[in-house]
C-alpha atoms as a PDB file:
ATOM      1  CA  UNK A   1     103.358 110.645 116.735  1.00  0.00           C
ATOM      2  CA  UNK A   2     103.867 107.189 118.599  1.00  0.00           C
ATOM      3  CA  UNK A   3     100.671 106.928 120.264  1.00  0.00           C
ATOM      4  CA  UNK A   4      99.914 104.383 122.749  1.00  0.00           C
ATOM      5  CA  UNK A   5      98.046 102.208 120.029  1.00  0.00           C
ATOM      6  CA  UNK A   6     100.775 102.418 117.426  1.00  0.00           C
ATOM      7  CA  UNK A   7     103.269 101.338 120.023  1.00  0.00           C
ATOM      8  CA  UNK A   8     101.126  98.143 121.325  1.00  0.00           C
ATOM      9  CA  UNK A   9     100.785  97.437 117.551  1.00  0.00           C
ATOM     10  CA  UNK A  10     104.517  96.947 117.120  1.00  0.00           C
ATOM     11  CA  UNK A  11     104.825  95.065 119.968  1.00  0.00           C
ATOM     12  CA  UNK A  12     106.400  97.308 122.763  1.00  0.00           C
ATOM     13  CA  UNK A  13     105.919  97.325 126.298  1.00  0.00           C
ATOM     14  CA  UNK A  14     103.136 100.130 127.178  1.00  0.00           C
ATOM     15  CA  UNK A  15     101.817 101.487 130.553  1.00  0.00           C
ATOM     16  CA  UNK A  16      98.739 100.263 129.889  1.00  0.00           C
ATOM     17  CA  UNK A  17      96.536  98.676 127.160  1.00  0.00           C
ATOM     18  CA  UNK A  18      95.361 100.765 124.514  1.00  0.00           C
ATOM     19  CA  UNK A  19      91.829 100.523 124.106  1.00  0.00           C
ATOM     20  CA  UNK A  20      89.284 100.990 121.186  1.00  0.00           C
ATOM     21  CA  UNK A  21      85.818  99.330 120.106  1.00  0.00           C
ATOM     22  CA  UNK A  22      85.248  97.820 116.662  1.00  0.00           C
ATOM     23  CA  UNK A  23      81.884  99.574 115.641  1.00  0.00           C
ATOM     24  CA  UNK A  24      82.779 101.936 118.438  1.00  0.00           C
ATOM     25  CA  UNK A  25      81.013 104.836 116.469  1.00  0.00           C
ATOM     26  CA  UNK A  26      77.707 102.974 115.936  1.00  0.00           C
ATOM     27  CA  UNK A  27      74.080 102.819 116.787  1.00  0.00           C
ATOM     28  CA  UNK A  28      74.608 102.344 120.644  1.00  0.00           C
ATOM     29  CA  UNK A  29      75.309 106.129 120.829  1.00  0.00           C
ATOM     30  CA  UNK A  30      72.164 108.584 121.046  1.00  0.00           C
ATOM     31  CA  UNK A  31      73.614 111.154 118.931  1.00  0.00           C
ATOM     32  CA  UNK A  32      74.432 108.714 115.896  1.00  0.00           C
ATOM     33  CA  UNK A  33      70.690 107.481 116.113  1.00  0.00           C
ATOM     34  CA  UNK A  34      69.819 111.338 115.651  1.00  0.00           C
ATOM     35  CA  UNK A  35      72.191 111.872 112.674  1.00  0.00           C
ATOM     36  CA  UNK A  36      70.603 109.065 110.962  1.00  0.00           C
ATOM     37  CA  UNK A  37      67.262 110.299 110.953  1.00  0.00           C
ATOM     38  CA  UNK A  38      68.996 113.018 108.803  1.00  0.00           C
ATOM     39  CA  UNK A  39      71.194 111.247 106.863  1.00  0.00           C
ATOM     40  CA  UNK A  40      70.968 107.624 104.961  1.00  0.00           C
ATOM     41  CA  UNK A  41      73.898 105.370 105.999  1.00  0.00           C
ATOM     42  CA  UNK A  42      75.557 105.920 102.483  1.00  0.00           C
ATOM     43  CA  UNK A  43      74.970 109.485 102.486  1.00  0.00           C
ATOM     44  CA  UNK A  44      76.677 109.564 106.102  1.00  0.00           C
ATOM     45  CA  UNK A  45      79.811 107.849 104.930  1.00  0.00           C
ATOM     46  CA  UNK A  46      80.128 110.003 101.673  1.00  0.00           C
ATOM     47  CA  UNK A  47      79.783 113.326 103.467  1.00  0.00           C
ATOM     48  CA  UNK A  48      83.060 113.681 105.092  1.00  0.00           C
ATOM     49  CA  UNK A  49      81.854 116.570 107.499  1.00  0.00           C
ATOM     50  CA  UNK A  50      79.118 114.233 108.575  1.00  0.00           C
ATOM     51  CA  UNK A  51      81.148 111.112 109.065  1.00  0.00           C
ATOM     52  CA  UNK A  52      83.884 112.718 110.643  1.00  0.00           C
ATOM     53  CA  UNK A  53      81.089 114.143 113.473  1.00  0.00           C
ATOM     54  CA  UNK A  54      80.087 110.391 113.795  1.00  0.00           C
ATOM     55  CA  UNK A  55      83.518 108.968 114.179  1.00  0.00           C
ATOM     56  CA  UNK A  56      84.341 111.289 116.857  1.00  0.00           C
ATOM     57  CA  UNK A  57      81.099 110.828 118.683  1.00  0.00           C
ATOM     58  CA  UNK A  58      83.052 107.829 121.041  1.00  0.00           C
ATOM     59  CA  UNK A  59      85.854 110.097 121.163  1.00  0.00           C
ATOM     60  CA  UNK A  60      83.660 112.716 123.143  1.00  0.00           C
ATOM     61  CA  UNK A  61      81.822 109.983 125.074  1.00  0.00           C
ATOM     62  CA  UNK A  62      85.121 107.780 126.053  1.00  0.00           C
ATOM     63  CA  UNK A  63      88.342 109.098 124.833  1.00  0.00           C
ATOM     64  CA  UNK A  64      89.584 105.713 123.525  1.00  0.00           C
ATOM     65  CA  UNK A  65      93.244 105.648 122.239  1.00  0.00           C
ATOM     66  CA  UNK A  66      92.139 105.461 118.798  1.00  0.00           C
ATOM     67  CA  UNK A  67      89.235 106.755 116.625  1.00  0.00           C
ATOM     68  CA  UNK A  68      88.155 104.253 113.634  1.00  0.00           C
ATOM     69  CA  UNK A  69      86.991 106.134 110.744  1.00  0.00           C
ATOM     70  CA  UNK A  70      83.063 105.891 110.033  1.00  0.00           C
ATOM     71  CA  UNK A  71      82.989 104.038 106.809  1.00  0.00           C
ATOM     72  CA  UNK A  72      82.029 100.741 105.497  1.00  0.00           C
ATOM     73  CA  UNK A  73      83.931  97.581 104.252  1.00  0.00           C
ATOM     74  CA  UNK A  74      81.887  97.537 100.904  1.00  0.00           C
ATOM     75  CA  UNK A  75      83.000 101.187  99.705  1.00  0.00           C
ATOM     76  CA  UNK A  76      85.857  99.255  97.406  1.00  0.00           C
ATOM     77  CA  UNK A  77      83.339  97.774  95.289  1.00  0.00           C
ATOM     78  CA  UNK A  78      82.801 100.988  93.715  1.00  0.00           C
ATOM     79  CA  UNK A  79      86.466 101.107  91.855  1.00  0.00           C
ATOM     80  CA  UNK A  80      85.503  97.567  90.716  1.00  0.00           C
ATOM     81  CA  UNK A  81      81.958  98.608  89.202  1.00  0.00           C
ATOM     82  CA  UNK A  82      79.704  97.208  91.425  1.00  0.00           C
ATOM     83  CA  UNK A  83      77.020  99.442  93.153  1.00  0.00           C
ATOM     84  CA  UNK A  84      75.106  98.345  96.397  1.00  0.00           C
ATOM     85  CA  UNK A  85      72.614  99.914  98.683  1.00  0.00           C
ATOM     86  CA  UNK A  86      71.486  99.119 102.197  1.00  0.00           C
ATOM     87  CA  UNK A  87      68.176  97.537 103.109  1.00  0.00           C
ATOM     88  CA  UNK A  88      66.889  97.994 106.571  1.00  0.00           C
ATOM     89  CA  UNK A  89      66.694  94.372 108.253  1.00  0.00           C
ATOM     90  CA  UNK A  90      68.898  93.231 105.511  1.00  0.00           C
ATOM     91  CA  UNK A  91      72.231  94.990 105.314  1.00  0.00           C
ATOM     92  CA  UNK A  92      74.277  95.740 102.177  1.00  0.00           C
ATOM     93  CA  UNK A  93      72.731  94.657  99.142  1.00  0.00           C
ATOM     94  CA  UNK A  94      74.947  94.333  96.058  1.00  0.00           C
ATOM     95  CA  UNK A  95      72.725  95.419  93.061  1.00  0.00           C
ATOM     96  CA  UNK A  96      74.764  93.714  90.448  1.00  0.00           C
ATOM     97  CA  UNK A  97      76.342  90.844  91.758  1.00  0.00           C
ATOM     98  CA  UNK A  98      78.783  88.215  90.022  1.00  0.00           C
ATOM     99  CA  UNK A  99      76.777  86.253  87.360  1.00  0.00           C
ATOM    100  CA  UNK A 100      79.347  83.444  87.207  1.00  0.00           C
ATOM    101  CA  UNK A 101      82.931  82.385  86.575  1.00  0.00           C
ATOM    102  CA  UNK A 102      83.150  84.408  83.275  1.00  0.00           C
ATOM    103  CA  UNK A 103      81.931  87.480  85.421  1.00  0.00           C
ATOM    104  CA  UNK A 104      85.389  87.430  88.071  1.00  0.00           C
ATOM    105  CA  UNK A 105      88.119  89.098  86.152  1.00  0.00           C
ATOM    106  CA  UNK A 106      87.766  92.776  87.027  1.00  0.00           C
ATOM    107  CA  UNK A 107      90.248  95.910  86.846  1.00  0.00           C
ATOM    108  CA  UNK A 108      89.664  98.863  89.392  1.00  0.00           C
ATOM    109  CA  UNK A 109      89.078 102.379  88.646  1.00  0.00           C
ATOM    110  CA  UNK A 110      91.007 105.356  90.402  1.00  0.00           C
ATOM    111  CA  UNK A 111      90.770 104.578  93.755  1.00  0.00           C
ATOM    112  CA  UNK A 112      91.866 107.937  95.055  1.00  0.00           C
ATOM    113  CA  UNK A 113      88.929 109.646  92.845  1.00  0.00           C
ATOM    114  CA  UNK A 114      86.097 107.187  93.581  1.00  0.00           C
ATOM    115  CA  UNK A 115      86.878 107.037  97.147  1.00  0.00           C
ATOM    116  CA  UNK A 116      88.042 110.741  97.734  1.00  0.00           C
ATOM    117  CA  UNK A 117      85.405 111.304 100.618  1.00  0.00           C
ATOM    118  CA  UNK A 118      87.584 108.631 102.757  1.00  0.00           C
ATOM    119  CA  UNK A 119      90.947 110.544 102.170  1.00  0.00           C
ATOM    120  CA  UNK A 120      89.326 113.723 103.355  1.00  0.00           C
ATOM    121  CA  UNK A 121      87.655 112.176 106.168  1.00  0.00           C
ATOM    122  CA  UNK A 122      90.836 111.154 107.621  1.00  0.00           C
ATOM    123  CA  UNK A 123      92.483 114.367 106.843  1.00  0.00           C
ATOM    124  CA  UNK A 124      89.658 116.018 108.972  1.00  0.00           C
ATOM    125  CA  UNK A 125      89.970 113.212 111.772  1.00  0.00           C
ATOM    126  CA  UNK A 126      94.045 114.251 111.715  1.00  0.00           C
ATOM    127  CA  UNK A 127      93.181 117.904 112.077  1.00  0.00           C
ATOM    128  CA  UNK A 128      90.751 117.343 115.050  1.00  0.00           C
ATOM    129  CA  UNK A 129      92.445 114.792 117.306  1.00  0.00           C
ATOM    130  CA  UNK A 130      95.337 113.434 115.532  1.00  0.00           C
ATOM    131  CA  UNK A 131      97.678 115.011 118.083  1.00  0.00           C
ATOM    132  CA  UNK A 132      95.937 113.324 120.905  1.00  0.00           C
ATOM    133  CA  UNK A 133      94.611 109.541 119.297  1.00  0.00           C
ATOM    134  CA  UNK A 134      95.539 107.406 116.673  1.00  0.00           C
ATOM    135  CA  UNK A 135      93.289 107.470 113.653  1.00  0.00           C
ATOM    136  CA  UNK A 136      92.526 103.880 112.679  1.00  0.00           C
ATOM    137  CA  UNK A 137      91.509 102.883 108.859  1.00  0.00           C
ATOM    138  CA  UNK A 138      90.414  99.752 107.524  1.00  0.00           C
ATOM    139  CA  UNK A 139      89.395  97.661 104.711  1.00  0.00           C
ATOM    140  CA  UNK A 140      87.209  94.541 104.157  1.00  0.00           C
ATOM    141  CA  UNK A 141      89.525  91.464 103.125  1.00  0.00           C
ATOM    142  CA  UNK A 142      89.320  90.008  99.449  1.00  0.00           C
ATOM    143  CA  UNK A 143      87.548  86.747 100.528  1.00  0.00           C
ATOM    144  CA  UNK A 144      84.742  88.548 102.377  1.00  0.00           C
ATOM    145  CA  UNK A 145      84.262  91.239 100.006  1.00  0.00           C
ATOM    146  CA  UNK A 146      84.107  88.354  97.140  1.00  0.00           C
ATOM    147  CA  UNK A 147      81.336  86.967  99.351  1.00  0.00           C
ATOM    148  CA  UNK A 148      79.149  89.687  98.901  1.00  0.00           C
ATOM    149  CA  UNK A 149      79.876  90.154  95.309  1.00  0.00           C
ATOM    150  CA  UNK A 150      78.705  86.489  94.753  1.00  0.00           C
ATOM    151  CA  UNK A 151      76.004  86.196  97.074  1.00  0.00           C
ATOM    152  CA  UNK A 152      74.720  89.778  96.375  1.00  0.00           C
ATOM    153  CA  UNK A 153      74.633  90.532 100.181  1.00  0.00           C
ATOM    154  CA  UNK A 154      75.407  89.177 103.692  1.00  0.00           C
ATOM    155  CA  UNK A 155      75.742  84.985 103.966  1.00  0.00           C
ATOM    156  CA  UNK A 156      76.034  83.209 106.757  1.00  0.00           C
ATOM    157  CA  UNK A 157      77.608  80.377 105.414  1.00  0.00           C
ATOM    158  CA  UNK A 158      79.370  81.987 102.162  1.00  0.00           C
ATOM    159  CA  UNK A 159      77.974  78.980 100.285  1.00  0.00           C
ATOM    160  CA  UNK A 160      77.745  80.746  97.128  1.00  0.00           C
ATOM    161  CA  UNK A 161      81.355  81.832  97.159  1.00  0.00           C
ATOM    162  CA  UNK A 162      82.653  78.331  98.638  1.00  0.00           C
ATOM    163  CA  UNK A 163      80.584  76.878  95.643  1.00  0.00           C
ATOM    164  CA  UNK A 164      82.573  78.931  93.181  1.00  0.00           C
ATOM    165  CA  UNK A 165      85.506  77.633  94.890  1.00  0.00           C
ATOM    166  CA  UNK A 166      84.624  74.142  94.353  1.00  0.00           C
ATOM    167  CA  UNK A 167      83.055  74.499  91.012  1.00  0.00           C
ATOM    168  CA  UNK A 168      85.607  76.822  89.176  1.00  0.00           C
ATOM    169  CA  UNK A 169      88.810  77.286  91.355  1.00  0.00           C
ATOM    170  CA  UNK A 170      90.777  79.652  88.824  1.00  0.00           C
ATOM    171  CA  UNK A 171      87.602  81.947  88.703  1.00  0.00           C
ATOM    172  CA  UNK A 172      87.511  81.630  92.546  1.00  0.00           C
ATOM    173  CA  UNK A 173      91.269  82.991  92.600  1.00  0.00           C
ATOM    174  CA  UNK A 174      90.881  85.488  90.004  1.00  0.00           C
ATOM    175  CA  UNK A 175      87.924  87.390  91.924  1.00  0.00           C
ATOM    176  CA  UNK A 176      89.961  87.273  95.001  1.00  0.00           C
ATOM    177  CA  UNK A 177      93.135  88.741  93.194  1.00  0.00           C
ATOM    178  CA  UNK A 178      90.871  91.352  91.709  1.00  0.00           C
ATOM    179  CA  UNK A 179      89.622  92.410  95.199  1.00  0.00           C
ATOM    180  CA  UNK A 180      93.338  92.148  96.655  1.00  0.00           C
ATOM    181  CA  UNK A 181      94.609  94.598  94.050  1.00  0.00           C
ATOM    182  CA  UNK A 182      92.055  97.112  95.013  1.00  0.00           C
ATOM    183  CA  UNK A 183      92.135  96.778  98.728  1.00  0.00           C
ATOM    184  CA  UNK A 184      95.975  97.100  98.527  1.00  0.00           C
ATOM    185  CA  UNK A 185      95.811 100.412  96.966  1.00  0.00           C
ATOM    186  CA  UNK A 186      92.913 101.492  99.133  1.00  0.00           C
ATOM    187  CA  UNK A 187      94.651 100.646 102.172  1.00  0.00           C
ATOM    188  CA  UNK A 188      97.844 102.818 101.031  1.00  0.00           C
ATOM    189  CA  UNK A 189      95.567 105.535  99.972  1.00  0.00           C
ATOM    190  CA  UNK A 190      94.493 105.702 103.804  1.00  0.00           C
ATOM    191  CA  UNK A 191      97.735 105.560 105.170  1.00  0.00           C
ATOM    192  CA  UNK A 192      98.741 108.395 102.955  1.00  0.00           C
ATOM    193  CA  UNK A 193      95.785 110.488 104.140  1.00  0.00           C
ATOM    194  CA  UNK A 194      96.821 110.066 107.859  1.00  0.00           C
ATOM    195  CA  UNK A 195      95.883 106.588 109.085  1.00  0.00           C
ATOM    196  CA  UNK A 196      98.081 105.634 111.979  1.00  0.00           C
ATOM    197  CA  UNK A 197      97.048 102.031 111.748  1.00  0.00           C
ATOM    198  CA  UNK A 198      95.038 100.110 109.574  1.00  0.00           C
ATOM    199  CA  UNK A 199      93.039  96.878 110.019  1.00  0.00           C
ATOM    200  CA  UNK A 200      91.990  94.314 107.300  1.00  0.00           C
ATOM    201  CA  UNK A 201      88.583  92.767 108.197  1.00  0.00           C
ATOM    202  CA  UNK A 202      88.448  89.364 106.305  1.00  0.00           C
ATOM    203  CA  UNK A 203      85.710  88.305 108.929  1.00  0.00           C
ATOM    204  CA  UNK A 204      84.203  85.641 106.652  1.00  0.00           C
ATOM    205  CA  UNK A 205      87.288  83.853 105.698  1.00  0.00           C
ATOM    206  CA  UNK A 206      87.437  81.551 108.880  1.00  0.00           C
ATOM    207  CA  UNK A 207      84.387  79.329 106.831  1.00  0.00           C
ATOM    208  CA  UNK A 208      87.073  78.155 104.554  1.00  0.00           C
ATOM    209  CA  UNK A 209      89.011  74.791 105.253  1.00  0.00           C
ATOM    210  CA  UNK A 210      92.598  75.386 106.574  1.00  0.00           C
ATOM    211  CA  UNK A 211      93.803  74.303 103.136  1.00  0.00           C
ATOM    212  CA  UNK A 212      91.928  76.384 100.974  1.00  0.00           C
ATOM    213  CA  UNK A 213      92.816  79.215 103.372  1.00  0.00           C
ATOM    214  CA  UNK A 214      96.465  78.615 103.057  1.00  0.00           C
ATOM    215  CA  UNK A 215      96.277  78.330  99.336  1.00  0.00           C
ATOM    216  CA  UNK A 216      93.671  80.872  98.433  1.00  0.00           C
ATOM    217  CA  UNK A 217      93.637  83.551 101.117  1.00  0.00           C
ATOM    218  CA  UNK A 218      96.828  83.691 102.916  1.00  0.00           C
ATOM    219  CA  UNK A 219      98.915  84.483  99.895  1.00  0.00           C
ATOM    220  CA  UNK A 220      96.714  87.459  99.523  1.00  0.00           C
ATOM    221  CA  UNK A 221      97.006  88.841 102.795  1.00  0.00           C
ATOM    222  CA  UNK A 222     100.765  88.365 102.755  1.00  0.00           C
ATOM    223  CA  UNK A 223     100.366  90.563  99.423  1.00  0.00           C
ATOM    224  CA  UNK A 224      98.432  93.463 101.001  1.00  0.00           C
ATOM    225  CA  UNK A 225     100.233  93.824 104.673  1.00  0.00           C
ATOM    226  CA  UNK A 226     103.926  93.468 102.492  1.00  0.00           C
ATOM    227  CA  UNK A 227     102.518  96.609 100.429  1.00  0.00           C
ATOM    228  CA  UNK A 228     101.802  98.526 103.648  1.00  0.00           C
ATOM    229  CA  UNK A 229     103.865 101.237 105.841  1.00  0.00           C
ATOM    230  CA  UNK A 230     101.919 101.455 108.997  1.00  0.00           C
ATOM    231  CA  UNK A 231     101.047  98.838 111.624  1.00  0.00           C
ATOM    232  CA  UNK A 232      98.583  96.656 110.679  1.00  0.00           C
ATOM    233  CA  UNK A 233      96.214  94.216 112.081  1.00  0.00           C
ATOM    234  CA  UNK A 234      94.427  91.184 110.859  1.00  0.00           C
ATOM    235  CA  UNK A 235      90.958  90.185 112.041  1.00  0.00           C
ATOM    236  CA  UNK A 236      89.209  86.864 110.547  1.00  0.00           C
ATOM    237  CA  UNK A 237      86.365  84.861 112.989  1.00  0.00           C
ATOM    238  CA  UNK A 238      86.343  81.323 113.728  1.00  0.00           C
ATOM    239  CA  UNK A 239      90.153  80.978 113.364  1.00  0.00           C
ATOM    240  CA  UNK A 240      90.800  79.326 116.970  1.00  0.00           C
ATOM    241  CA  UNK A 241      93.036  76.591 116.583  1.00  0.00           C
ATOM    242  CA  UNK A 242      94.262  78.019 113.302  1.00  0.00           C
ATOM    243  CA  UNK A 243      95.779  81.343 114.587  1.00  0.00           C
ATOM    244  CA  UNK A 244      99.307  80.251 113.115  1.00  0.00           C
ATOM    245  CA  UNK A 245      97.760  81.174 109.710  1.00  0.00           C
ATOM    246  CA  UNK A 246      96.793  84.933 110.769  1.00  0.00           C
ATOM    247  CA  UNK A 247     100.293  85.268 112.289  1.00  0.00           C
ATOM    248  CA  UNK A 248     101.638  84.041 108.792  1.00  0.00           C
ATOM    249  CA  UNK A 249      99.832  86.835 107.054  1.00  0.00           C
ATOM    250  CA  UNK A 250     102.568  89.124 107.976  1.00  0.00           C
ATOM    251  CA  UNK A 251     100.119  91.720 109.871  1.00  0.00           C
ATOM    252  CA  UNK A 252     101.918  93.537 113.042  1.00  0.00           C
ATOM    253  CA  UNK A 253      99.040  92.105 115.097  1.00  0.00           C
ATOM    254  CA  UNK A 254      96.202  89.404 115.067  1.00  0.00           C
ATOM    255  CA  UNK A 255      92.629  90.313 116.463  1.00  0.00           C
ATOM    256  CA  UNK A 256      90.783  87.624 118.143  1.00  0.00           C
ATOM    257  CA  UNK A 257      87.190  87.091 118.543  1.00  0.00           C
ATOM    258  CA  UNK A 258      85.913  86.031 121.847  1.00  0.00           C
ATOM    259  CA  UNK A 259      86.183  82.256 121.408  1.00  0.00           C
ATOM    260  CA  UNK A 260      89.820  82.426 121.651  1.00  0.00           C
ATOM    261  CA  UNK A 261      91.370  82.141 125.032  1.00  0.00           C
ATOM    262  CA  UNK A 262      93.874  84.895 124.989  1.00  0.00           C
ATOM    263  CA  UNK A 263      96.198  83.395 127.506  1.00  0.00           C
ATOM    264  CA  UNK A 264      96.658  80.895 125.259  1.00  0.00           C
ATOM    265  CA  UNK A 265      96.853  82.787 122.226  1.00  0.00           C
ATOM    266  CA  UNK A 266      99.697  84.670 123.547  1.00  0.00           C
ATOM    267  CA  UNK A 267     101.511  81.255 124.121  1.00  0.00           C
ATOM    268  CA  UNK A 268     100.837  80.289 120.654  1.00  0.00           C
ATOM    269  CA  UNK A 269     101.611  83.470 118.744  1.00  0.00           C
ATOM    270  CA  UNK A 270     104.939  84.231 121.033  1.00  0.00           C
ATOM    271  CA  UNK A 271     105.894  88.071 120.619  1.00  0.00           C
ATOM    272  CA  UNK A 272     103.228  88.766 117.865  1.00  0.00           C
ATOM    273  CA  UNK A 273     100.803  91.495 119.228  1.00  0.00           C
ATOM    274  CA  UNK A 274      97.207  90.628 119.746  1.00  0.00           C
ATOM    275  CA  UNK A 275      94.102  92.417 119.894  1.00  0.00           C
ATOM    276  CA  UNK A 276      90.992  91.733 121.724  1.00  0.00           C
ATOM    277  CA  UNK A 277      88.890  90.128 122.801  1.00  0.00           C
ATOM    278  CA  UNK A 278      85.836  90.576 125.573  1.00  0.00           C
ATOM    279  CA  UNK A 279      82.749  88.990 124.278  1.00  0.00           C
ATOM    280  CA  UNK A 280      80.389  91.711 122.994  1.00  0.00           C
ATOM    281  CA  UNK A 281      77.386  90.428 125.081  1.00  0.00           C
ATOM    282  CA  UNK A 282      78.952  91.091 128.150  1.00  0.00           C
ATOM    283  CA  UNK A 283      78.575  94.493 127.823  1.00  0.00           C
ATOM    284  CA  UNK A 284      75.183  94.147 128.622  1.00  0.00           C
ATOM    285  CA  UNK A 285      75.848  93.356 132.091  1.00  0.00           C
ATOM    286  CA  UNK A 286      76.557  95.824 134.943  1.00  0.00           C
ATOM    287  CA  UNK A 287      79.461  97.699 135.000  1.00  0.00           C
ATOM    288  CA  UNK A 288      81.142  95.820 137.614  1.00  0.00           C
ATOM    289  CA  UNK A 289      80.719  92.755 135.743  1.00  0.00           C
ATOM    290  CA  UNK A 290      82.318  94.469 132.619  1.00  0.00           C
ATOM    291  CA  UNK A 291      85.285  95.624 134.657  1.00  0.00           C
ATOM    292  CA  UNK A 292      85.860  91.994 136.317  1.00  0.00           C
ATOM    293  CA  UNK A 293      85.942  90.329 132.663  1.00  0.00           C
ATOM    294  CA  UNK A 294      87.866  93.195 131.308  1.00  0.00           C
ATOM    295  CA  UNK A 295      90.717  93.045 133.808  1.00  0.00           C
ATOM    296  CA  UNK A 296      90.722  88.954 133.130  1.00  0.00           C
ATOM    297  CA  UNK A 297      91.654  89.774 129.471  1.00  0.00           C
ATOM    298  CA  UNK A 298      94.240  92.329 130.490  1.00  0.00           C
ATOM    299  CA  UNK A 299      95.863  90.173 132.938  1.00  0.00           C
ATOM    300  CA  UNK A 300      95.947  87.192 130.462  1.00  0.00           C
ATOM    301  CA  UNK A 301      97.323  89.200 127.597  1.00  0.00           C
ATOM    302  CA  UNK A 302     100.502  90.540 129.454  1.00  0.00           C
ATOM    303  CA  UNK A 303     101.948  93.992 129.429  1.00  0.00           C
ATOM    304  CA  UNK A 304     103.441  93.776 125.880  1.00  0.00           C
ATOM    305  CA  UNK A 305     101.704  94.053 122.715  1.00  0.00           C
ATOM    306  CA  UNK A 306      98.115  93.880 123.779  1.00  0.00           C
ATOM    307  CA  UNK A 307      95.684  96.048 122.220  1.00  0.00           C
ATOM    308  CA  UNK A 308      92.186  95.875 124.367  1.00  0.00           C
ATOM    309  CA  UNK A 309      89.298  95.479 122.183  1.00  0.00           C
ATOM    310  CA  UNK A 310      85.831  93.368 121.790  1.00  0.00           C
ATOM    311  CA  UNK A 311      85.867  90.093 120.128  1.00  0.00           C
ATOM    312  CA  UNK A 312      83.591  91.875 117.610  1.00  0.00           C
ATOM    313  CA  UNK A 313      81.617  94.743 117.108  1.00  0.00           C
ATOM    314  CA  UNK A 314      79.674  96.769 119.570  1.00  0.00           C
ATOM    315  CA  UNK A 315      75.794  95.782 119.344  1.00  0.00           C
ATOM    316  CA  UNK A 316      73.724  98.517 118.649  1.00  0.00           C
ATOM    317  CA  UNK A 317      71.758  98.080 121.933  1.00  0.00           C
ATOM    318  CA  UNK A 318      74.647  98.176 124.405  1.00  0.00           C
ATOM    319  CA  UNK A 319      74.370 100.389 127.377  1.00  0.00           C
ATOM    320  CA  UNK A 320      76.663 103.518 127.292  1.00  0.00           C
ATOM    321  CA  UNK A 321      77.412 102.943 130.905  1.00  0.00           C
ATOM    322  CA  UNK A 322      78.943  99.553 130.007  1.00  0.00           C
ATOM    323  CA  UNK A 323      81.111 100.703 127.552  1.00  0.00           C
ATOM    324  CA  UNK A 324      82.213 103.446 129.562  1.00  0.00           C
ATOM    325  CA  UNK A 325      83.435 101.067 132.058  1.00  0.00           C
ATOM    326  CA  UNK A 326      85.614  98.893 129.402  1.00  0.00           C
ATOM    327  CA  UNK A 327      87.374 101.718 128.426  1.00  0.00           C
ATOM    328  CA  UNK A 328      88.202 103.324 131.531  1.00  0.00           C
ATOM    329  CA  UNK A 329      88.944  99.728 133.176  1.00  0.00           C
ATOM    330  CA  UNK A 330      92.066  99.901 130.806  1.00  0.00           C
ATOM    331  CA  UNK A 331      93.089 103.457 131.544  1.00  0.00           C
ATOM    332  CA  UNK A 332      92.867 102.470 135.081  1.00  0.00           C
ATOM    333  CA  UNK A 333      95.777  99.914 135.118  1.00  0.00           C
ATOM    334  CA  UNK A 334      99.096 100.789 135.985  1.00  0.00           C
ATOM    335  CA  UNK A 335     102.271  99.064 135.041  1.00  0.00           C
END
């Protein structure tokens, strides 16, 4: 079925911009917090009926044009032999990080077996809402996943991985290639189980120099997108001024963070569809301010090939009323 989101990702003119939000099923919804009192984060994402319930919370609240599966980018660590857990106030912690250049060449196990719970989740979502809205899958990008694997957790500057690139460039390349192979298979698995659109979150890759990005990351993004038979979106933060590199990735649509002027991005990217890009902090304002700023983005983005979203994920303290104003503004547009 050609949902509004699918059509926009292909660059088609749509009667209004489709709208969804990154992290839309997260902690800003009260029922999510209630469920998390019963299940840990990893228990929730690995239990398909619970993950489906969480995924559909924003559908019940807002009726967006896509439901994004409730999961985590680090799930693909498992087929590569890593284990991880979530620490409160810290985030994901990799229990067995990469120890050095001799520890980077990793073959992955059976993605369909080890991540079968993701496939079951997507099947459930299609049965529940697949006729009404698009189902969105996703994966972390090679650089971002490698950063977690080397640093052992989140890294603001990604210095451990960037140091590996400086000291051992071939080991750096091998590690990113290992993640590329598993991500490609994982996204193919998601599409095979009903994902209508998939997004690659290589959020951290914007910390690389343009030269390193082009040499090490861009070919891997191209390899991933070339292998996928569904509309695709690429998202990397801090790429203002380097959007051409995202355009060259082969993704159907380019996700923009909030530091990019979406009108200028449209001029630079031409016919390439874009996604974004309201500053998530604006959702803490009153609903009328949210509507005003949302309309500004829609007007600048134009009538073709625009998926309305935030420039990053929904903050956990965001008021429900402001998210509703954001979604409803898109639905009120008439072209």
